[in-house]
Amino acid sequence: MDTGMNVITKEIAVSTGGNTDIIDITKEASALVSKSGIQNGTITLFVPGSTAGLTTIEYEPGLIKDLPETFEEIAPSAKRYHHDDTWGDGNGHAHVRAALLGPSLTVPFVRGKLTLGTWQQIVLIDFDNRSRQRRIVVQIMGD
């Protein structure tokens, strides 16, 4: 009987518009789990960089407006940030927002299916002040 845990590492590539762009990556994550052949375990997603983050939301038009508006209240883009004084790139707000959200997310899966709720999707949020090519490192672990 094989008791070793399998680990598979993949990537998801995403083009974003920046400025709190919210990208649904649920289908890509689910497809990677299905293709892995692992039936039960966890998928961990991680976005390298310090101006984007990952979470789950109900990906619907109202929330796609509400979430950026809320981040604007928490860490306003027009505010002066010490980071901007240091680097002059004008994206201090993006770093603060990404730090609050976090760069990773782990979701269990059972019988090859993500255990997300009916109205729950996995999203990348790019807070930077310009469009970006993002990569999300994905590790699928289990048996």
C-alpha atoms as a PDB file:
ATOM      1  CA  MET A   1       0.000   0.000   0.000  1.00  0.00           C
ATOM      2  CA  ASP A   2       1.426   3.386  -1.021  1.00  0.00           C
ATOM      3  CA  THR A   3       1.193   5.801   1.905  1.00  0.00           C
ATOM      4  CA  GLY A   4       3.290   8.556   0.332  1.00  0.00           C
ATOM      5  CA  MET A   5       1.722  11.898  -0.372  1.00  0.00           C
ATOM      6  CA  ASN A   6       1.796  13.129  -3.947  1.00  0.00           C
ATOM      7  CA  VAL A   7       2.805  16.724  -4.685  1.00  0.00           C
ATOM      8  CA  ILE A   8       2.292  18.313  -8.089  1.00  0.00           C
ATOM      9  CA  THR A   9       3.408  21.873  -8.876  1.00  0.00           C
ATOM     10  CA  LYS A  10       1.889  23.822 -11.778  1.00  0.00           C
ATOM     11  CA  GLU A  11       1.262  27.452 -12.743  1.00  0.00           C
ATOM     12  CA  ILE A  12      -1.692  29.522 -13.884  1.00  0.00           C
ATOM     13  CA  ALA A  13      -0.852  32.525 -16.094  1.00  0.00           C
ATOM     14  CA  VAL A  14      -3.124  35.578 -15.960  1.00  0.00           C
ATOM     15  CA  SER A  15      -3.147  38.941 -17.746  1.00  0.00           C
ATOM     16  CA  THR A  16      -4.594  41.706 -15.574  1.00  0.00           C
ATOM     17  CA  GLY A  17      -5.551  45.324 -15.956  1.00  0.00           C
ATOM     18  CA  GLY A  18      -4.216  46.281 -12.524  1.00  0.00           C
ATOM     19  CA  ASN A  19      -6.121  48.836 -10.440  1.00  0.00           C
ATOM     20  CA  THR A  20      -7.927  46.220  -8.300  1.00  0.00           C
ATOM     21  CA  ASP A  21      -8.713  44.001 -11.284  1.00  0.00           C
ATOM     22  CA  ILE A  22     -10.519  40.858 -10.067  1.00  0.00           C
ATOM     23  CA  ILE A  23      -9.910  37.696 -12.101  1.00  0.00           C
ATOM     24  CA  ASP A  24     -11.866  34.472 -11.503  1.00  0.00           C
ATOM     25  CA  ILE A  25      -9.421  31.533 -11.657  1.00  0.00           C
ATOM     26  CA  THR A  26     -11.757  28.844 -10.290  1.00  0.00           C
ATOM     27  CA  LYS A  27     -12.017  26.921 -13.581  1.00  0.00           C
ATOM     28  CA  GLU A  28      -8.240  26.812 -13.997  1.00  0.00           C
ATOM     29  CA  ALA A  29      -7.708  25.637 -10.401  1.00  0.00           C
ATOM     30  CA  SER A  30     -10.431  22.995 -10.717  1.00  0.00           C
ATOM     31  CA  ALA A  31      -9.003  21.728 -14.009  1.00  0.00           C
ATOM     32  CA  LEU A  32      -5.547  21.341 -12.451  1.00  0.00           C
ATOM     33  CA  VAL A  33      -7.018  19.276  -9.611  1.00  0.00           C
ATOM     34  CA  SER A  34      -8.921  17.089 -12.093  1.00  0.00           C
ATOM     35  CA  LYS A  35      -5.857  16.542 -14.285  1.00  0.00           C
ATOM     36  CA  SER A  36      -3.635  15.745 -11.292  1.00  0.00           C
ATOM     37  CA  GLY A  37      -5.260  12.382 -10.657  1.00  0.00           C
ATOM     38  CA  ILE A  38      -5.110  13.080  -6.922  1.00  0.00           C
ATOM     39  CA  GLN A  39      -8.500  12.394  -5.366  1.00  0.00           C
ATOM     40  CA  ASN A  40      -8.305  13.888  -1.861  1.00  0.00           C
ATOM     41  CA  GLY A  41      -6.078  16.665  -0.580  1.00  0.00           C
ATOM     42  CA  THR A  42      -5.467  20.370  -0.839  1.00  0.00           C
ATOM     43  CA  ILE A  43      -4.661  22.864  -3.550  1.00  0.00           C
ATOM     44  CA  THR A  44      -2.540  25.802  -2.501  1.00  0.00           C
ATOM     45  CA  LEU A  45      -2.319  28.837  -4.769  1.00  0.00           C
ATOM     46  CA  PHE A  46       0.360  31.515  -4.311  1.00  0.00           C
ATOM     47  CA  VAL A  47       0.935  34.716  -6.290  1.00  0.00           C
ATOM     48  CA  PRO A  48       4.588  35.846  -6.327  1.00  0.00           C
ATOM     49  CA  GLY A  49       4.922  39.603  -5.972  1.00  0.00           C
ATOM     50  CA  SER A  50       3.756  42.125  -3.427  1.00  0.00           C
ATOM     51  CA  THR A  51       0.941  43.963  -5.227  1.00  0.00           C
ATOM     52  CA  ALA A  52      -1.603  41.165  -5.769  1.00  0.00           C
ATOM     53  CA  GLY A  53      -3.480  38.711  -3.584  1.00  0.00           C
ATOM     54  CA  LEU A  54      -5.830  35.737  -3.594  1.00  0.00           C
ATOM     55  CA  THR A  55      -9.171  35.110  -1.902  1.00  0.00           C
ATOM     56  CA  THR A  56     -12.640  33.695  -2.510  1.00  0.00           C
ATOM     57  CA  ILE A  57     -15.742  35.720  -3.286  1.00  0.00           C
ATOM     58  CA  GLU A  58     -19.086  35.369  -4.961  1.00  0.00           C
ATOM     59  CA  TYR A  59     -17.979  36.506  -8.412  1.00  0.00           C
ATOM     60  CA  GLU A  60     -20.973  38.655  -9.353  1.00  0.00           C
ATOM     61  CA  PRO A  61     -21.310  42.218 -10.722  1.00  0.00           C
ATOM     62  CA  GLY A  62     -22.263  43.887  -7.433  1.00  0.00           C
ATOM     63  CA  LEU A  63     -19.333  42.447  -5.511  1.00  0.00           C
ATOM     64  CA  ILE A  64     -16.965  43.185  -8.389  1.00  0.00           C
ATOM     65  CA  LYS A  65     -17.840  46.853  -7.726  1.00  0.00           C
ATOM     66  CA  ASP A  66     -18.098  46.628  -3.907  1.00  0.00           C
ATOM     67  CA  LEU A  67     -14.703  45.075  -3.298  1.00  0.00           C
ATOM     68  CA  PRO A  68     -12.614  47.707  -5.138  1.00  0.00           C
ATOM     69  CA  GLU A  69     -14.670  50.476  -3.485  1.00  0.00           C
ATOM     70  CA  THR A  70     -13.972  48.947  -0.076  1.00  0.00           C
ATOM     71  CA  PHE A  71     -10.245  48.652  -0.746  1.00  0.00           C
ATOM     72  CA  GLU A  72     -10.273  52.297  -1.861  1.00  0.00           C
ATOM     73  CA  GLU A  73     -11.711  53.234   1.546  1.00  0.00           C
ATOM     74  CA  ILE A  74      -9.207  51.076   3.456  1.00  0.00           C
ATOM     75  CA  ALA A  75      -6.095  52.077   1.491  1.00  0.00           C
ATOM     76  CA  PRO A  76      -6.895  55.050  -0.783  1.00  0.00           C
ATOM     77  CA  SER A  77      -4.941  55.260  -4.030  1.00  0.00           C
ATOM     78  CA  ALA A  78      -4.650  59.072  -3.780  1.00  0.00           C
ATOM     79  CA  LYS A  79      -3.050  58.961  -0.313  1.00  0.00           C
ATOM     80  CA  ARG A  80       0.675  59.656   0.033  1.00  0.00           C
ATOM     81  CA  TYR A  81       2.584  56.490   0.992  1.00  0.00           C
ATOM     82  CA  HIS A  82       6.147  56.307   2.262  1.00  0.00           C
ATOM     83  CA  HIS A  83       6.751  53.537  -0.288  1.00  0.00           C
ATOM     84  CA  ASP A  84       6.067  56.048  -3.063  1.00  0.00           C
ATOM     85  CA  ASP A  85       8.611  58.421  -1.526  1.00  0.00           C
ATOM     86  CA  THR A  86      11.171  55.605  -1.578  1.00  0.00           C
ATOM     87  CA  TRP A  87      10.545  54.212  -5.069  1.00  0.00           C
ATOM     88  CA  GLY A  88       8.526  56.892  -6.891  1.00  0.00           C
ATOM     89  CA  ASP A  89       6.295  54.293  -8.548  1.00  0.00           C
ATOM     90  CA  GLY A  90       2.966  55.477  -7.113  1.00  0.00           C
ATOM     91  CA  ASN A  91       1.797  52.021  -6.039  1.00  0.00           C
ATOM     92  CA  GLY A  92       2.112  52.219  -2.253  1.00  0.00           C
ATOM     93  CA  HIS A  93      -1.616  51.592  -1.970  1.00  0.00           C
ATOM     94  CA  ALA A  94      -1.219  48.363  -3.971  1.00  0.00           C
ATOM     95  CA  HIS A  95       1.376  47.039  -1.526  1.00  0.00           C
ATOM     96  CA  VAL A  96      -0.809  47.863   1.499  1.00  0.00           C
ATOM     97  CA  ARG A  97      -3.900  46.268  -0.063  1.00  0.00           C
ATOM     98  CA  ALA A  98      -2.017  43.121  -1.093  1.00  0.00           C
ATOM     99  CA  ALA A  99      -0.509  42.774   2.386  1.00  0.00           C
ATOM    100  CA  LEU A 100      -3.999  42.952   3.925  1.00  0.00           C
ATOM    101  CA  LEU A 101      -5.439  40.363   1.521  1.00  0.00           C
ATOM    102  CA  GLY A 102      -2.479  37.956   1.476  1.00  0.00           C
ATOM    103  CA  PRO A 103      -0.657  36.145  -1.332  1.00  0.00           C
ATOM    104  CA  SER A 104      -2.000  32.612  -0.894  1.00  0.00           C
ATOM    105  CA  LEU A 105      -5.090  30.471  -0.531  1.00  0.00           C
ATOM    106  CA  THR A 106      -5.578  26.786   0.309  1.00  0.00           C
ATOM    107  CA  VAL A 107      -8.726  24.860  -0.639  1.00  0.00           C
ATOM    108  CA  PRO A 108      -9.432  21.222   0.235  1.00  0.00           C
ATOM    109  CA  PHE A 109     -10.744  18.861  -2.426  1.00  0.00           C
ATOM    110  CA  VAL A 110     -12.558  15.555  -2.087  1.00  0.00           C
ATOM    111  CA  ARG A 111     -12.991  12.924  -4.802  1.00  0.00           C
ATOM    112  CA  GLY A 112     -11.238  15.259  -7.258  1.00  0.00           C
ATOM    113  CA  LYS A 113     -13.600  18.207  -6.668  1.00  0.00           C
ATOM    114  CA  LEU A 114     -12.908  21.506  -4.901  1.00  0.00           C
ATOM    115  CA  THR A 115     -14.979  21.907  -1.729  1.00  0.00           C
ATOM    116  CA  LEU A 116     -16.017  25.482  -2.569  1.00  0.00           C
ATOM    117  CA  GLY A 117     -19.512  26.663  -1.718  1.00  0.00           C
ATOM    118  CA  THR A 118     -22.108  27.059  -4.466  1.00  0.00           C
ATOM    119  CA  TRP A 119     -21.480  30.804  -4.835  1.00  0.00           C
ATOM    120  CA  GLN A 120     -17.761  30.792  -3.948  1.00  0.00           C
ATOM    121  CA  GLN A 121     -15.064  31.361  -6.556  1.00  0.00           C
ATOM    122  CA  ILE A 122     -11.286  31.683  -6.309  1.00  0.00           C
ATOM    123  CA  VAL A 123     -10.046  35.094  -7.441  1.00  0.00           C
ATOM    124  CA  LEU A 124      -6.778  36.887  -8.038  1.00  0.00           C
ATOM    125  CA  ILE A 125      -6.931  40.598  -7.276  1.00  0.00           C
ATOM    126  CA  ASP A 126      -4.235  42.737  -8.880  1.00  0.00           C
ATOM    127  CA  PHE A 127      -3.853  46.011  -6.993  1.00  0.00           C
ATOM    128  CA  ASP A 128      -0.916  47.416  -8.967  1.00  0.00           C
ATOM    129  CA  ASN A 129      -1.335  50.699 -10.823  1.00  0.00           C
ATOM    130  CA  ARG A 130      -0.664  49.124 -14.221  1.00  0.00           C
ATOM    131  CA  SER A 131      -1.533  46.005 -16.191  1.00  0.00           C
ATOM    132  CA  ARG A 132       0.548  42.939 -15.410  1.00  0.00           C
ATOM    133  CA  GLN A 133       1.289  39.409 -16.507  1.00  0.00           C
ATOM    134  CA  ARG A 134       0.812  37.399 -13.325  1.00  0.00           C
ATOM    135  CA  ARG A 135       1.671  33.829 -12.575  1.00  0.00           C
ATOM    136  CA  ILE A 136       0.107  31.842  -9.789  1.00  0.00           C
ATOM    137  CA  VAL A 137       2.108  28.941  -8.410  1.00  0.00           C
ATOM    138  CA  VAL A 138      -0.158  25.989  -7.653  1.00  0.00           C
ATOM    139  CA  GLN A 139       0.672  22.994  -5.484  1.00  0.00           C
ATOM    140  CA  ILE A 140      -1.695  20.055  -5.340  1.00  0.00           C
ATOM    141  CA  MET A 141      -1.049  17.661  -2.464  1.00  0.00           C
ATOM    142  CA  GLY A 142      -2.824  14.509  -1.418  1.00  0.00           C
ATOM    143  CA  ASP A 143      -3.526  10.940  -2.371  1.00  0.00           C
END
